[in-house]
Amino acid sequence: MGQGGARITLLLGLAATLAGCGFVDSRSPLPMPAFLRAREAEPPPLEAPPDIKRLVSEKLDSVFVSTSRPANVRVSQPLHDPRGLGWTSCVRAELTSVMGQPLGTQTYRVFINEGGIADRRRVDGDDTCATENYEPI
């Protein structure tokens, strides 16, 4: 049993030592050869640019409140959203208040993910929507 127990102990020690070996993270401070470093995950591919005119015309109620009676609706070209995988676009329209008073031209930035309008926000003065070119839908 002494010789068999020594072999088992030696094998267990060797297995424990080898279990600590593995691929090194690419951000590891240790200088390791490239073949020992784990590969960085590739980012998922970008979505295709949406047909913004069709999307806004079909989902106008996702951008404007229906009681605001949007008229003269115009959209800018979609741009890749720098914060994610989706797209953004600016939408402008002439709106009317609930009381029937004209509100004038209002501009919203829409966020598009997976082919649908995920969010919309009214733009403020420092937004880039002011410099965009618009096309009617």
Protein backbone atom coordinates (compact mmCIF):
# COMPACT_ATOMS: atom_id res chain seq x y z
CA MET A 1 0.00 0.00 0.00
CA GLY A 2 2.89 2.37 0.60
CA GLN A 3 3.99 2.41 -3.02
CA GLY A 4 0.40 2.65 -4.37
CA GLY A 5 -0.47 5.42 -1.91
CA ALA A 6 2.63 7.38 -2.94
CA ARG A 7 1.63 7.10 -6.61
CA ILE A 8 -1.90 8.28 -5.89
CA THR A 9 -0.60 11.21 -3.83
CA LEU A 10 1.85 12.12 -6.59
CA LEU A 11 -0.88 11.95 -9.26
CA LEU A 12 -3.28 14.03 -7.15
CA GLY A 13 -0.56 16.65 -6.56
CA LEU A 14 0.25 16.75 -10.28
CA ALA A 15 -3.47 17.06 -11.18
CA ALA A 16 -3.91 19.90 -8.70
CA THR A 17 -0.89 21.70 -10.14
CA LEU A 18 -2.12 21.33 -13.71
CA ALA A 19 -5.62 22.45 -12.76
CA GLY A 20 -4.19 25.88 -11.96
CA CYS A 21 -2.85 26.20 -15.51
CA GLY A 22 -5.13 27.66 -18.12
CA PHE A 23 -5.54 30.49 -20.51
CA VAL A 24 -4.56 33.91 -19.29
CA ASP A 25 -7.00 36.76 -19.70
CA SER A 26 -5.96 39.29 -22.36
CA ARG A 27 -5.87 42.01 -19.70
CA SER A 28 -3.59 40.03 -17.42
CA PRO A 29 -0.49 41.89 -16.24
CA LEU A 30 1.57 38.72 -16.67
CA PRO A 31 3.71 38.58 -19.81
CA MET A 32 2.40 35.48 -21.53
CA PRO A 33 2.82 34.24 -25.09
CA ALA A 34 -0.14 34.94 -27.39
CA PHE A 35 -1.09 31.25 -27.69
CA LEU A 36 -1.71 31.09 -23.92
CA ARG A 37 -3.95 34.16 -23.85
CA ALA A 38 -7.70 33.80 -24.06
CA ARG A 39 -9.22 35.38 -27.16
CA GLU A 40 -11.36 38.46 -26.78
CA ALA A 41 -14.99 37.90 -27.65
CA GLU A 42 -15.92 39.51 -30.95
CA PRO A 43 -18.67 42.11 -30.72
CA PRO A 44 -22.00 41.06 -32.20
CA PRO A 45 -22.65 42.36 -35.71
CA LEU A 46 -24.51 45.62 -36.18
CA GLU A 47 -28.13 45.58 -37.23
CA ALA A 48 -28.86 46.69 -40.76
CA PRO A 49 -29.93 50.34 -41.00
CA PRO A 50 -33.71 50.56 -40.54
CA ASP A 51 -36.12 51.95 -43.11
CA ILE A 52 -36.83 54.94 -40.89
CA LYS A 53 -39.56 56.43 -43.09
CA ARG A 54 -41.60 53.23 -43.05
CA LEU A 55 -40.95 52.58 -39.36
CA VAL A 56 -42.05 56.06 -38.24
CA SER A 57 -45.07 56.15 -40.53
CA GLU A 58 -46.25 52.74 -39.23
CA LYS A 59 -45.52 53.58 -35.57
CA LEU A 60 -46.33 57.30 -35.45
CA ASP A 61 -48.13 56.77 -32.12
CA SER A 62 -44.81 55.49 -30.65
CA VAL A 63 -43.25 58.89 -31.29
CA PHE A 64 -46.10 61.38 -30.86
CA VAL A 65 -49.22 61.41 -28.70
CA SER A 66 -52.17 60.84 -31.02
CA THR A 67 -54.04 63.86 -29.66
CA SER A 68 -51.18 66.12 -30.78
CA ARG A 69 -52.22 65.51 -34.41
CA PRO A 70 -48.70 65.39 -35.92
CA ALA A 71 -48.47 67.00 -39.36
CA ASN A 72 -45.61 67.57 -41.80
CA VAL A 73 -43.62 64.69 -40.23
CA ARG A 74 -39.97 64.57 -41.30
CA VAL A 75 -37.12 62.19 -40.40
CA SER A 76 -33.33 62.30 -40.54
CA GLN A 77 -31.11 59.48 -41.74
CA PRO A 78 -30.53 56.77 -39.10
CA LEU A 79 -27.15 56.81 -37.37
CA HIS A 80 -25.54 54.01 -35.40
CA ASP A 81 -26.18 54.50 -31.69
CA PRO A 82 -22.73 54.89 -30.06
CA ARG A 83 -24.07 53.43 -26.79
CA GLY A 84 -25.25 50.15 -28.25
CA LEU A 85 -26.03 48.05 -31.28
CA GLY A 86 -29.12 49.94 -32.40
CA TRP A 87 -29.77 53.10 -34.36
CA THR A 88 -30.97 56.63 -33.67
CA SER A 89 -32.83 59.11 -35.84
CA CYS A 90 -34.43 62.51 -35.39
CA VAL A 91 -38.13 63.06 -36.09
CA ARG A 92 -39.79 66.46 -36.52
CA ALA A 93 -43.44 67.38 -36.82
CA GLU A 94 -45.86 70.24 -36.39
CA LEU A 95 -47.89 69.48 -33.23
CA THR A 96 -51.07 70.79 -31.66
CA SER A 97 -51.84 70.95 -27.93
CA VAL A 98 -54.80 69.17 -26.37
CA MET A 99 -56.59 72.51 -26.29
CA GLY A 100 -56.11 72.88 -30.06
CA GLN A 101 -53.39 75.51 -29.87
CA PRO A 102 -50.41 75.06 -32.23
CA LEU A 103 -47.23 74.00 -30.44
CA GLY A 104 -45.05 74.57 -33.49
CA THR A 105 -42.29 72.26 -34.67
CA GLN A 106 -41.21 69.68 -32.09
CA THR A 107 -38.21 67.37 -32.51
CA TYR A 108 -37.69 63.95 -30.96
CA ARG A 109 -34.79 61.51 -31.06
CA VAL A 110 -35.95 57.93 -31.54
CA PHE A 111 -33.90 54.88 -30.56
CA ILE A 112 -34.36 51.83 -32.76
CA ASN A 113 -33.44 48.30 -31.64
CA GLU A 114 -34.27 45.03 -33.33
CA GLY A 115 -36.37 46.73 -36.00
CA GLY A 116 -38.66 48.64 -33.64
CA ILE A 117 -38.80 51.98 -31.84
CA ALA A 118 -37.46 51.22 -28.37
CA ASP A 119 -37.53 54.74 -26.92
CA ARG A 120 -38.02 58.38 -27.85
CA ARG A 121 -36.90 61.58 -26.18
CA ARG A 122 -37.62 65.20 -26.85
CA VAL A 123 -34.39 66.92 -27.87
CA ASP A 124 -32.87 69.87 -26.09
CA GLY A 125 -30.73 72.71 -27.41
CA ASP A 126 -27.40 70.87 -27.41
CA ASP A 127 -28.63 67.83 -29.37
CA THR A 128 -27.28 67.19 -32.86
CA CYS A 129 -30.79 66.98 -34.33
CA ALA A 130 -30.60 70.71 -35.06
CA THR A 131 -27.94 70.09 -37.73
CA GLU A 132 -29.57 67.05 -39.39
CA ASN A 133 -31.13 67.01 -42.85
CA TYR A 134 -34.78 65.94 -42.86
CA GLU A 135 -36.94 64.20 -45.44
CA PRO A 136 -40.73 63.96 -45.36
CA ILE A 137 -42.27 60.56 -44.75
